[in-house]
Structure formats: C-alpha cells, structure tokens
C-alpha cells in the first residue's frame, strides 16, 4: 500500500537522507523530502515521506514521538491539498460591507 506521511517538528538540521533513513526500516521509501524556505533554503521544520507500507498505523506508531536530533517528531497521514475546505481567501474583506 502506497502512503504519504506528514512528518512535523523536525530539527532544522535534518535533511532528506536522514528523513529517509528514519522510515526505511519500516518499508520501502519512495521519496523523503524536508520542506525548505524558498528564499533562505532553511528547513521549515517539516517534511513528507512517500512509502510502501502494509500497515500504516504501525509505521506511524513506531516513528511518532521518536527523538530525532533532539526533537520528538510528529507523524500523521498527509492530507490532500484540497481537503482543507476550500480557499480561505474567498471571503477576505467581505464582512461588514453593504
């Protein structure tokens, strides 16, 4: 089963290779990416891992809370980009106008 996981609370020192290594013992990792700031190139403290895992809950429970570079990481199944309920900017500035 192919799954995409959100990994949060990462130390700014963690790179893609370290993120991949963290999950590789639990299944075949397709990709591991630490998200970086577009302007500075510095880690934003979270990333995504795509992997083949037979038991997603087991992978999450095995890695969630684990200490990585001095910080306990948070792991959840990633949400689809469109699942946030729509664009929040749709009603910007509309309140109170007649």
Protein backbone atom coordinates (compact mmCIF):
# COMPACT_ATOMS: atom_id res chain seq x y z
CA UNK A 1 0.00 0.00 0.00
CA UNK A 2 1.44 3.37 -1.06
CA UNK A 3 1.05 6.10 1.56
CA UNK A 4 2.15 9.71 2.02
CA UNK A 5 3.07 10.77 5.55
CA UNK A 6 3.48 14.22 7.08
CA UNK A 7 6.45 14.49 9.43
CA UNK A 8 6.50 17.54 11.71
CA UNK A 9 8.61 19.06 14.48
CA UNK A 10 11.83 18.29 12.61
CA UNK A 11 15.08 19.87 13.70
CA UNK A 12 16.43 22.36 11.16
CA UNK A 13 19.48 20.09 10.85
CA UNK A 14 17.54 17.10 9.46
CA UNK A 15 17.96 16.57 5.72
CA UNK A 16 16.23 14.37 3.13
CA UNK A 17 18.65 11.45 3.66
CA UNK A 18 18.10 11.42 7.44
CA UNK A 19 14.34 11.54 6.94
CA UNK A 20 14.52 8.60 4.53
CA UNK A 21 16.69 6.60 6.94
CA UNK A 22 14.17 7.17 9.74
CA UNK A 23 11.42 5.42 7.76
CA UNK A 24 13.40 2.90 5.67
CA UNK A 25 13.37 0.25 8.41
CA UNK A 26 9.55 0.17 8.20
CA UNK A 27 9.13 -0.27 4.44
CA UNK A 28 10.39 0.82 1.05
CA UNK A 29 10.66 4.61 0.91
CA UNK A 30 9.71 6.08 -2.47
CA UNK A 31 10.66 9.65 -1.54
CA UNK A 32 11.57 11.68 1.53
CA UNK A 33 11.64 15.46 1.37
CA UNK A 34 12.27 18.09 4.02
CA UNK A 35 10.44 21.28 3.04
CA UNK A 36 12.68 24.33 2.86
CA UNK A 37 12.06 28.06 2.75
CA UNK A 38 12.10 29.27 -0.83
CA UNK A 39 14.18 32.37 -0.06
CA UNK A 40 16.64 31.16 2.57
CA UNK A 41 16.87 27.44 1.79
CA UNK A 42 16.49 26.73 5.51
CA UNK A 43 14.31 23.84 6.70
CA UNK A 44 10.77 24.78 7.65
CA UNK A 45 10.70 22.01 10.26
CA UNK A 46 8.50 19.53 8.43
CA UNK A 47 8.59 17.15 5.51
CA UNK A 48 6.83 14.37 3.65
CA UNK A 49 7.63 10.71 3.15
CA UNK A 50 6.06 8.54 0.47
CA UNK A 51 6.48 4.84 1.07
CA UNK A 52 5.06 1.39 0.59
CA UNK A 53 3.77 0.16 3.92
CA UNK A 54 1.47 -2.76 4.61
CA UNK A 55 0.42 -1.37 7.99
CA UNK A 56 0.33 2.43 8.02
CA UNK A 57 -0.78 2.62 11.66
CA UNK A 58 2.23 0.51 12.72
CA UNK A 59 4.65 2.78 10.85
CA UNK A 60 3.10 5.91 12.38
CA UNK A 61 3.17 4.49 15.92
CA UNK A 62 6.77 3.28 15.51
CA UNK A 63 8.12 6.66 14.39
CA UNK A 64 5.74 9.17 16.01
CA UNK A 65 7.35 10.71 19.09
CA UNK A 66 10.77 9.30 18.27
CA UNK A 67 13.68 11.58 19.17
CA UNK A 68 15.45 12.84 16.06
CA UNK A 69 18.29 15.31 16.59
CA UNK A 70 16.91 16.25 20.00
CA UNK A 71 13.27 16.72 18.98
CA UNK A 72 10.28 14.34 19.15
CA UNK A 73 8.88 14.09 15.61
CA UNK A 74 5.16 14.03 14.83
CA UNK A 75 3.91 11.68 12.13
CA UNK A 76 0.45 11.65 10.53
CA UNK A 77 -1.02 10.56 7.24
CA UNK A 78 -0.72 13.53 4.90
CA UNK A 79 -3.94 15.25 3.91
CA UNK A 80 -4.75 16.02 0.30
CA UNK A 81 -4.10 19.62 -0.67
CA UNK A 82 -7.78 20.16 -1.41
CA UNK A 83 -9.10 18.72 1.88
CA UNK A 84 -8.80 21.95 3.88
CA UNK A 85 -12.31 23.04 2.96
CA UNK A 86 -11.50 25.45 0.19
CA UNK A 87 -9.65 28.67 -0.22
CA UNK A 88 -9.88 30.79 2.93
CA UNK A 89 -9.29 33.97 0.95
CA UNK A 90 -12.65 33.77 -0.79
CA UNK A 91 -14.37 35.96 1.81
CA UNK A 92 -11.48 38.22 2.68
CA UNK A 93 -12.69 41.73 3.41
CA UNK A 94 -16.34 40.92 2.72
CA UNK A 95 -17.52 41.03 6.33
CA UNK A 96 -19.40 44.16 7.37
CA UNK A 97 -19.70 45.67 3.90
CA UNK A 98 -23.01 46.61 2.36
